[in-house]
Amino acid sequence: MKKTLSSVNSYAHYHNSFGLKGVQPGPTRIMLIGDQGWWDNHDFMQQGDNHGVYGSNMLFCDGHVEWVPTKRFAYVVEMSADGNRPEGLR
């Protein structure tokens, strides 16, 4: 999803992964960047990342930063990117 002021404020989730179809996350739940490393696979926590396999600090469109533990990582990325990520994929 291209993140502009208009798209972030009006976007409704298209895919139903995690039961999110139709959810309008808004700027407080759409992530811009995370501080994990860029090793073999940047969509998953890995031992070589900044915080290992424990999680990532993420910056959201409203400007807040929060610690997202690994158990919530796939959900937060799906909420932000709408990539139809399988729920069991971590």
PDB file of N, CA and C in Angstrom:
ATOM      1  N   MET A   1       0.843  -1.176   0.000  1.00  0.00           N
ATOM      2  CA  MET A   1       0.000   0.000   0.000  1.00  0.00           C
ATOM      3  C   MET A   1       0.885   1.233   0.000  1.00  0.00           C
ATOM      4  N   LYS A   2       0.682   2.128  -0.941  1.00  0.00           N
ATOM      5  CA  LYS A   2       1.387   3.404  -0.954  1.00  0.00           C
ATOM      6  C   LYS A   2       0.809   4.253   0.175  1.00  0.00           C
ATOM      7  N   LYS A   3       1.675   4.792   1.002  1.00  0.00           N
ATOM      8  CA  LYS A   3       1.216   5.512   2.187  1.00  0.00           C
ATOM      9  C   LYS A   3       1.263   7.018   1.956  1.00  0.00           C
ATOM     10  N   THR A   4       0.101   7.598   1.730  1.00  0.00           N
ATOM     11  CA  THR A   4      -0.058   9.044   1.627  1.00  0.00           C
ATOM     12  C   THR A   4      -1.042   9.457   2.710  1.00  0.00           C
ATOM     13  N   LEU A   5      -1.157  10.745   2.982  1.00  0.00           N
ATOM     14  CA  LEU A   5      -2.106  11.215   3.988  1.00  0.00           C
ATOM     15  C   LEU A   5      -3.514  10.715   3.673  1.00  0.00           C
ATOM     16  N   SER A   6      -3.897  10.817   2.419  1.00  0.00           N
ATOM     17  CA  SER A   6      -5.233  10.388   2.012  1.00  0.00           C
ATOM     18  C   SER A   6      -5.418   8.877   2.147  1.00  0.00           C
ATOM     19  N   SER A   7      -4.451   8.095   1.664  1.00  0.00           N
ATOM     20  CA  SER A   7      -4.617   6.635   1.699  1.00  0.00           C
ATOM     21  C   SER A   7      -4.600   6.095   3.125  1.00  0.00           C
ATOM     22  N   VAL A   8      -3.752   6.644   3.976  1.00  0.00           N
ATOM     23  CA  VAL A   8      -3.671   6.179   5.363  1.00  0.00           C
ATOM     24  C   VAL A   8      -4.969   6.478   6.112  1.00  0.00           C
ATOM     25  N   ASN A   9      -5.560   7.624   5.851  1.00  0.00           N
ATOM     26  CA  ASN A   9      -6.788   8.004   6.560  1.00  0.00           C
ATOM     27  C   ASN A   9      -8.038   7.310   6.044  1.00  0.00           C
ATOM     28  N   SER A  10      -8.020   6.818   4.809  1.00  0.00           N
ATOM     29  CA  SER A  10      -9.246   6.255   4.237  1.00  0.00           C
ATOM     30  C   SER A  10      -9.170   4.765   3.910  1.00  0.00           C
ATOM     31  N   TYR A  11      -8.017   4.154   4.040  1.00  0.00           N
ATOM     32  CA  TYR A  11      -7.827   2.781   3.587  1.00  0.00           C
ATOM     33  C   TYR A  11      -8.646   1.777   4.391  1.00  0.00           C
ATOM     34  N   ALA A  12      -9.281   0.839   3.694  1.00  0.00           N
ATOM     35  CA  ALA A  12      -9.966  -0.299   4.322  1.00  0.00           C
ATOM     36  C   ALA A  12      -9.265  -1.571   3.843  1.00  0.00           C
ATOM     37  N   HIS A  13      -8.968  -2.462   4.762  1.00  0.00           N
ATOM     38  CA  HIS A  13      -8.247  -3.700   4.460  1.00  0.00           C
ATOM     39  C   HIS A  13      -9.021  -4.517   3.436  1.00  0.00           C
ATOM     40  N   TYR A  14      -8.339  -4.973   2.386  1.00  0.00           N
ATOM     41  CA  TYR A  14      -8.968  -5.715   1.302  1.00  0.00           C
ATOM     42  C   TYR A  14      -9.012  -7.218   1.573  1.00  0.00           C
ATOM     43  N   HIS A  15      -7.881  -7.792   1.986  1.00  0.00           N
ATOM     44  CA  HIS A  15      -7.805  -9.238   2.211  1.00  0.00           C
ATOM     45  C   HIS A  15      -8.378  -9.618   3.574  1.00  0.00           C
ATOM     46  N   ASN A  16      -8.724 -10.889   3.739  1.00  0.00           N
ATOM     47  CA  ASN A  16      -9.332 -11.341   4.989  1.00  0.00           C
ATOM     48  C   ASN A  16      -8.356 -12.062   5.921  1.00  0.00           C
ATOM     49  N   SER A  17      -7.072 -12.053   5.620  1.00  0.00           N
ATOM     50  CA  SER A  17      -6.095 -12.659   6.521  1.00  0.00           C
ATOM     51  C   SER A  17      -6.258 -12.056   7.916  1.00  0.00           C
ATOM     52  N   PHE A  18      -6.223 -12.892   8.946  1.00  0.00           N
ATOM     53  CA  PHE A  18      -6.435 -12.487  10.344  1.00  0.00           C
ATOM     54  C   PHE A  18      -7.841 -11.903  10.574  1.00  0.00           C
ATOM     55  N   GLY A  19      -8.771 -12.102   9.643  1.00  0.00           N
ATOM     56  CA  GLY A  19     -10.120 -11.561   9.788  1.00  0.00           C
ATOM     57  C   GLY A  19     -10.180 -10.051   9.634  1.00  0.00           C
ATOM     58  N   LEU A  20      -9.258  -9.468   8.869  1.00  0.00           N
ATOM     59  CA  LEU A  20      -9.137  -8.012   8.782  1.00  0.00           C
ATOM     60  C   LEU A  20      -9.917  -7.365   7.640  1.00  0.00           C
ATOM     61  N   LYS A  21     -10.576  -8.136   6.794  1.00  0.00           N
ATOM     62  CA  LYS A  21     -11.284  -7.548   5.653  1.00  0.00           C
ATOM     63  C   LYS A  21     -12.240  -6.456   6.124  1.00  0.00           C
ATOM     64  N   GLY A  22     -12.127  -5.285   5.510  1.00  0.00           N
ATOM     65  CA  GLY A  22     -12.994  -4.159   5.833  1.00  0.00           C
ATOM     66  C   GLY A  22     -12.518  -3.284   6.980  1.00  0.00           C
ATOM     67  N   VAL A  23     -11.519  -3.731   7.737  1.00  0.00           N
ATOM     68  CA  VAL A  23     -10.999  -2.942   8.860  1.00  0.00           C
ATOM     69  C   VAL A  23     -10.277  -1.712   8.317  1.00  0.00           C
ATOM     70  N   GLN A  24     -10.542  -0.554   8.907  1.00  0.00           N
ATOM     71  CA  GLN A  24      -9.852   0.681   8.555  1.00  0.00           C
ATOM     72  C   GLN A  24      -8.847   0.990   9.663  1.00  0.00           C
ATOM     73  N   PRO A  25      -7.580   0.624   9.461  1.00  0.00           N
ATOM     74  CA  PRO A  25      -6.603   0.748  10.538  1.00  0.00           C
ATOM     75  C   PRO A  25      -6.243   2.178  10.907  1.00  0.00           C
ATOM     76  N   GLY A  26      -6.237   3.092   9.962  1.00  0.00           N
ATOM     77  CA  GLY A  26      -5.859   4.468  10.253  1.00  0.00           C
ATOM     78  C   GLY A  26      -4.380   4.599  10.598  1.00  0.00           C
ATOM     79  N   PRO A  27      -3.923   5.825  10.833  1.00  0.00           N
ATOM     80  CA  PRO A  27      -2.494   6.072  11.041  1.00  0.00           C
ATOM     81  C   PRO A  27      -1.912   5.442  12.300  1.00  0.00           C
ATOM     82  N   THR A  28      -2.731   5.139  13.291  1.00  0.00           N
ATOM     83  CA  THR A  28      -2.203   4.557  14.532  1.00  0.00           C
ATOM     84  C   THR A  28      -1.848   3.087  14.390  1.00  0.00           C
ATOM     85  N   ARG A  29      -2.335   2.419  13.324  1.00  0.00           N
ATOM     86  CA  ARG A  29      -2.070   0.986  13.163  1.00  0.00           C
ATOM     87  C   ARG A  29      -1.415   0.633  11.831  1.00  0.00           C
ATOM     88  N   ILE A  30      -0.991   1.642  11.075  1.00  0.00           N
ATOM     89  CA  ILE A  30      -0.271   1.373   9.828  1.00  0.00           C
ATOM     90  C   ILE A  30       1.201   1.693  10.051  1.00  0.00           C
ATOM     91  N   MET A  31       2.031   0.667   9.944  1.00  0.00           N
ATOM     92  CA  MET A  31       3.462   0.780  10.195  1.00  0.00           C
ATOM     93  C   MET A  31       4.189   1.365   8.985  1.00  0.00           C
ATOM     94  N   LEU A  32       5.183   2.199   9.269  1.00  0.00           N
ATOM     95  CA  LEU A  32       6.047   2.719   8.206  1.00  0.00           C
ATOM     96  C   LEU A  32       7.346   1.935   8.108  1.00  0.00           C
ATOM     97  N   ILE A  33       8.060   1.805   9.231  1.00  0.00           N
ATOM     98  CA  ILE A  33       9.339   1.103   9.228  1.00  0.00           C
ATOM     99  C   ILE A  33       9.543   0.365  10.542  1.00  0.00           C
ATOM    100  N   GLY A  34      10.403  -0.643  10.495  1.00  0.00           N
ATOM    101  CA  GLY A  34      10.810  -1.375  11.690  1.00  0.00           C
ATOM    102  C   GLY A  34      12.327  -1.433  11.740  1.00  0.00           C
ATOM    103  N   ASP A  35      12.890  -1.657  12.916  1.00  0.00           N
ATOM    104  CA  ASP A  35      14.346  -1.600  13.066  1.00  0.00           C
ATOM    105  C   ASP A  35      15.048  -2.943  12.958  1.00  0.00           C
ATOM    106  N   GLN A  36      14.405  -3.946  12.437  1.00  0.00           N
ATOM    107  CA  GLN A  36      15.055  -5.249  12.298  1.00  0.00           C
ATOM    108  C   GLN A  36      16.151  -5.195  11.239  1.00  0.00           C
ATOM    109  N   GLY A  37      17.044  -6.167  11.276  1.00  0.00           N
ATOM    110  CA  GLY A  37      18.106  -6.244  10.283  1.00  0.00           C
ATOM    111  C   GLY A  37      17.596  -6.796   8.962  1.00  0.00           C
ATOM    112  N   TRP A  38      18.409  -6.715   7.955  1.00  0.00           N
ATOM    113  CA  TRP A  38      18.018  -7.191   6.626  1.00  0.00           C
ATOM    114  C   TRP A  38      18.870  -8.392   6.251  1.00  0.00           C
ATOM    115  N   TRP A  39      18.650  -9.509   6.924  1.00  0.00           N
ATOM    116  CA  TRP A  39      19.404 -10.720   6.665  1.00  0.00           C
ATOM    117  C   TRP A  39      18.762 -11.506   5.538  1.00  0.00           C
ATOM    118  N   ASP A  40      18.577 -12.776   5.715  1.00  0.00           N
ATOM    119  CA  ASP A  40      18.043 -13.633   4.654  1.00  0.00           C
ATOM    120  C   ASP A  40      16.612 -13.289   4.272  1.00  0.00           C
ATOM    121  N   ASN A  41      15.780 -13.006   5.258  1.00  0.00           N
ATOM    122  CA  ASN A  41      14.366 -12.756   4.998  1.00  0.00           C
ATOM    123  C   ASN A  41      13.902 -11.623   5.892  1.00  0.00           C
ATOM    124  N   HIS A  42      13.641 -10.475   5.326  1.00  0.00           N
ATOM    125  CA  HIS A  42      13.290  -9.298   6.124  1.00  0.00           C
ATOM    126  C   HIS A  42      11.850  -9.301   6.638  1.00  0.00           C
ATOM    127  N   ASP A  43      11.060 -10.302   6.306  1.00  0.00           N
ATOM    128  CA  ASP A  43       9.680 -10.374   6.795  1.00  0.00           C
ATOM    129  C   ASP A  43       9.537 -11.227   8.046  1.00  0.00           C
ATOM    130  N   PHE A  44      10.634 -11.704   8.588  1.00  0.00           N
ATOM    131  CA  PHE A  44      10.591 -12.572   9.759  1.00  0.00           C
ATOM    132  C   PHE A  44      11.706 -12.188  10.720  1.00  0.00           C
ATOM    133  N   MET A  45      11.486 -12.408  12.010  1.00  0.00           N
ATOM    134  CA  MET A  45      12.523 -12.181  13.011  1.00  0.00           C
ATOM    135  C   MET A  45      13.570 -13.280  12.878  1.00  0.00           C
ATOM    136  N   GLN A  46      14.840 -12.910  12.967  1.00  0.00           N
ATOM    137  CA  GLN A  46      15.930 -13.873  12.874  1.00  0.00           C
ATOM    138  C   GLN A  46      16.985 -13.560  13.924  1.00  0.00           C
ATOM    139  N   GLN A  47      17.771 -14.545  14.273  1.00  0.00           N
ATOM    140  CA  GLN A  47      18.785 -14.393  15.312  1.00  0.00           C
ATOM    141  C   GLN A  47      19.729 -13.223  15.030  1.00  0.00           C
ATOM    142  N   GLY A  48      20.075 -12.966  13.778  1.00  0.00           N
ATOM    143  CA  GLY A  48      21.008 -11.895  13.434  1.00  0.00           C
ATOM    144  C   GLY A  48      20.411 -10.502  13.421  1.00  0.00           C
ATOM    145  N   ASP A  49      19.099 -10.374  13.601  1.00  0.00           N
ATOM    146  CA  ASP A  49      18.451  -9.060  13.607  1.00  0.00           C
ATOM    147  C   ASP A  49      18.825  -8.275  14.861  1.00  0.00           C
ATOM    148  N   ASN A  50      18.521  -6.996  14.870  1.00  0.00           N
ATOM    149  CA  ASN A  50      18.870  -6.109  15.989  1.00  0.00           C
ATOM    150  C   ASN A  50      18.460  -6.675  17.343  1.00  0.00           C
ATOM    151  N   HIS A  51      17.262  -7.201  17.440  1.00  0.00           N
ATOM    152  CA  HIS A  51      16.736  -7.722  18.704  1.00  0.00           C
ATOM    153  C   HIS A  51      16.584  -9.236  18.664  1.00  0.00           C
ATOM    154  N   GLY A  52      17.326  -9.879  17.772  1.00  0.00           N
ATOM    155  CA  GLY A  52      17.236 -11.327  17.651  1.00  0.00           C
ATOM    156  C   GLY A  52      15.845 -11.744  17.215  1.00  0.00           C
ATOM    157  N   VAL A  53      15.348 -12.799  17.815  1.00  0.00           N
ATOM    158  CA  VAL A  53      14.035 -13.329  17.444  1.00  0.00           C
ATOM    159  C   VAL A  53      12.929 -12.785  18.347  1.00  0.00           C
ATOM    160  N   TYR A  54      13.209 -11.750  19.115  1.00  0.00           N
ATOM    161  CA  TYR A  54      12.267 -11.281  20.133  1.00  0.00           C
ATOM    162  C   TYR A  54      11.265 -10.239  19.657  1.00  0.00           C
ATOM    163  N   GLY A  55      11.572  -9.475  18.620  1.00  0.00           N
ATOM    164  CA  GLY A  55      10.646  -8.468  18.145  1.00  0.00           C
ATOM    165  C   GLY A  55      11.357  -7.321  17.458  1.00  0.00           C
ATOM    166  N   SER A  56      10.618  -6.225  17.274  1.00  0.00           N
ATOM    167  CA  SER A  56      11.143  -5.078  16.545  1.00  0.00           C
ATOM    168  C   SER A  56      10.463  -3.808  17.035  1.00  0.00           C
ATOM    169  N   ASN A  57      11.203  -2.702  17.060  1.00  0.00           N
ATOM    170  CA  ASN A  57      10.581  -1.400  17.263  1.00  0.00           C
ATOM    171  C   ASN A  57      10.002  -0.982  15.925  1.00  0.00           C
ATOM    172  N   MET A  58       8.767  -0.476  15.924  1.00  0.00           N
ATOM    173  CA  MET A  58       8.130  -0.076  14.675  1.00  0.00           C
ATOM    174  C   MET A  58       7.591   1.339  14.789  1.00  0.00           C
ATOM    175  N   LEU A  59       7.796   2.102  13.716  1.00  0.00           N
ATOM    176  CA  LEU A  59       7.295   3.468  13.610  1.00  0.00           C
ATOM    177  C   LEU A  59       5.985   3.427  12.836  1.00  0.00           C
ATOM    178  N   PHE A  60       4.954   4.058  13.375  1.00  0.00           N
ATOM    179  CA  PHE A  60       3.638   4.075  12.747  1.00  0.00           C
ATOM    180  C   PHE A  60       3.355   5.448  12.136  1.00  0.00           C
ATOM    181  N   CYS A  61       2.359   5.515  11.279  1.00  0.00           N
ATOM    182  CA  CYS A  61       2.067   6.724  10.514  1.00  0.00           C
ATOM    183  C   CYS A  61       1.662   7.923  11.370  1.00  0.00           C
ATOM    184  N   ASP A  62       1.221   7.701  12.595  1.00  0.00           N
ATOM    185  CA  ASP A  62       0.883   8.828  13.465  1.00  0.00           C
ATOM    186  C   ASP A  62       2.103   9.347  14.219  1.00  0.00           C
ATOM    187  N   GLY A  63       3.262   8.717  14.014  1.00  0.00           N
ATOM    188  CA  GLY A  63       4.500   9.171  14.632  1.00  0.00           C
ATOM    189  C   GLY A  63       4.916   8.404  15.872  1.00  0.00           C
ATOM    190  N   HIS A  64       4.062   7.537  16.409  1.00  0.00           N
ATOM    191  CA  HIS A  64       4.469   6.792  17.604  1.00  0.00           C
ATOM    192  C   HIS A  64       5.306   5.577  17.214  1.00  0.00           C
ATOM    193  N   VAL A  65       6.138   5.169  18.149  1.00  0.00           N
ATOM    194  CA  VAL A  65       6.971   3.977  17.992  1.00  0.00           C
ATOM    195  C   VAL A  65       6.561   3.002  19.076  1.00  0.00           C
ATOM    196  N   GLU A  66       6.460   1.732  18.733  1.00  0.00           N
ATOM    197  CA  GLU A  66       6.154   0.737  19.762  1.00  0.00           C
ATOM    198  C   GLU A  66       6.954  -0.535  19.528  1.00  0.00           C
ATOM    199  N   TRP A  67       7.191  -1.232  20.629  1.00  0.00           N
ATOM    200  CA  TRP A  67       7.845  -2.533  20.578  1.00  0.00           C
ATOM    201  C   TRP A  67       6.802  -3.554  20.154  1.00  0.00           C
ATOM    202  N   VAL A  68       7.075  -4.286  19.079  1.00  0.00           N
ATOM    203  CA  VAL A  68       6.172  -5.324  18.591  1.00  0.00           C
ATOM    204  C   VAL A  68       6.882  -6.667  18.769  1.00  0.00           C
ATOM    205  N   PRO A  69       6.420  -7.468  19.745  1.00  0.00           N
ATOM    206  CA  PRO A  69       7.049  -8.774  19.958  1.00  0.00           C
ATOM    207  C   PRO A  69       6.763  -9.708  18.782  1.00  0.00           C
ATOM    208  N   THR A  70       7.591 -10.717  18.650  1.00  0.00           N
ATOM    209  CA  THR A  70       7.483 -11.659  17.539  1.00  0.00           C
ATOM    210  C   THR A  70       6.080 -12.238  17.397  1.00  0.00           C
ATOM    211  N   LYS A  71       5.405 -12.530  18.502  1.00  0.00           N
ATOM    212  CA  LYS A  71       4.071 -13.148  18.421  1.00  0.00           C
ATOM    213  C   LYS A  71       3.042 -12.228  17.765  1.00  0.00           C
ATOM    214  N   ARG A  72       3.281 -10.908  17.726  1.00  0.00           N
ATOM    215  CA  ARG A  72       2.364  -9.962  17.080  1.00  0.00           C
ATOM    216  C   ARG A  72       2.873  -9.471  15.729  1.00  0.00           C
ATOM    217  N   PHE A  73       4.098  -9.837  15.374  1.00  0.00           N
ATOM    218  CA  PHE A  73       4.751  -9.287  14.188  1.00  0.00           C
ATOM    219  C   PHE A  73       3.946  -9.524  12.905  1.00  0.00           C
ATOM    220  N   ALA A  74       3.555 -10.766  12.641  1.00  0.00           N
ATOM    221  CA  ALA A  74       2.825 -11.088  11.408  1.00  0.00           C
ATOM    222  C   ALA A  74       1.514 -10.306  11.326  1.00  0.00           C
ATOM    223  N   TYR A  75       0.817 -10.170  12.451  1.00  0.00           N
ATOM    224  CA  TYR A  75      -0.448  -9.429  12.473  1.00  0.00           C
ATOM    225  C   TYR A  75      -0.225  -7.950  12.154  1.00  0.00           C
ATOM    226  N   VAL A  76       0.764  -7.347  12.790  1.00  0.00           N
ATOM    227  CA  VAL A  76       1.034  -5.918  12.575  1.00  0.00           C
ATOM    228  C   VAL A  76       1.453  -5.658  11.127  1.00  0.00           C
ATOM    229  N   VAL A  77       2.293  -6.522  10.571  1.00  0.00           N
ATOM    230  CA  VAL A  77       2.704  -6.366   9.175  1.00  0.00           C
ATOM    231  C   VAL A  77       1.504  -6.524   8.249  1.00  0.00           C
ATOM    232  N   GLU A  78       0.655  -7.503   8.507  1.00  0.00           N
ATOM    233  CA  GLU A  78      -0.537  -7.694   7.667  1.00  0.00           C
ATOM    234  C   GLU A  78      -1.482  -6.505   7.778  1.00  0.00           C
ATOM    235  N   MET A  79      -1.676  -5.979   8.971  1.00  0.00           N
ATOM    236  CA  MET A  79      -2.531  -4.806   9.155  1.00  0.00           C
ATOM    237  C   MET A  79      -1.991  -3.631   8.344  1.00  0.00           C
ATOM    238  N   SER A  80      -0.673  -3.513   8.276  1.00  0.00           N
ATOM    239  CA  SER A  80      -0.031  -2.383   7.607  1.00  0.00           C
ATOM    240  C   SER A  80       0.093  -2.551   6.101  1.00  0.00           C
ATOM    241  N   ALA A  81       0.327  -3.771   5.637  1.00  0.00           N
ATOM    242  CA  ALA A  81       0.672  -3.987   4.235  1.00  0.00           C
ATOM    243  C   ALA A  81      -0.423  -4.654   3.418  1.00  0.00           C
ATOM    244  N   ASP A  82      -1.391  -5.316   4.074  1.00  0.00           N
ATOM    245  CA  ASP A  82      -2.497  -5.979   3.379  1.00  0.00           C
ATOM    246  C   ASP A  82      -1.990  -6.937   2.308  1.00  0.00           C
ATOM    247  N   GLY A  83      -1.051  -7.805   2.680  1.00  0.00           N
ATOM    248  CA  GLY A  83      -0.449  -8.722   1.720  1.00  0.00           C
ATOM    249  C   GLY A  83      -1.067 -10.101   1.682  1.00  0.00           C
ATOM    250  N   ASN A  84      -2.176 -10.299   2.402  1.00  0.00           N
ATOM    251  CA  ASN A  84      -2.853 -11.591   2.480  1.00  0.00           C
ATOM    252  C   ASN A  84      -1.926 -12.657   3.058  1.00  0.00           C
ATOM    253  N   ARG A  85      -1.169 -12.270   4.063  1.00  0.00           N
ATOM    254  CA  ARG A  85      -0.207 -13.155   4.731  1.00  0.00           C
ATOM    255  C   ARG A  85      -0.957 -14.250   5.482  1.00  0.00           C
ATOM    256  N   PRO A  86      -0.578 -15.510   5.301  1.00  0.00           N
ATOM    257  CA  PRO A  86      -1.234 -16.594   6.046  1.00  0.00           C
ATOM    258  C   PRO A  86      -1.061 -16.412   7.552  1.00  0.00           C
ATOM    259  N   GLU A  87      -2.110 -16.639   8.313  1.00  0.00           N
ATOM    260  CA  GLU A  87      -2.078 -16.421   9.756  1.00  0.00           C
ATOM    261  C   GLU A  87      -1.034 -17.261  10.460  1.00  0.00           C
ATOM    262  N   GLY A  88      -0.769 -18.472   9.985  1.00  0.00           N
ATOM    263  CA  GLY A  88       0.196 -19.338  10.645  1.00  0.00           C
ATOM    264  C   GLY A  88       1.643 -19.003  10.323  1.00  0.00           C
ATOM    265  N   LEU A  89       1.871 -18.103   9.364  1.00  0.00           N
ATOM    266  CA  LEU A  89       3.223 -17.746   8.951  1.00  0.00           C
ATOM    267  C   LEU A  89       3.822 -16.752   9.919  1.00  0.00           C
ATOM    268  N   ARG A  90       4.958 -17.095  10.501  1.00  0.00           N
ATOM    269  CA  ARG A  90       5.618 -16.199  11.471  1.00  0.00           C
ATOM    270  C   ARG A  90       6.941 -15.747  10.942  1.00  0.00           C
TER     271      ARG A  90
END
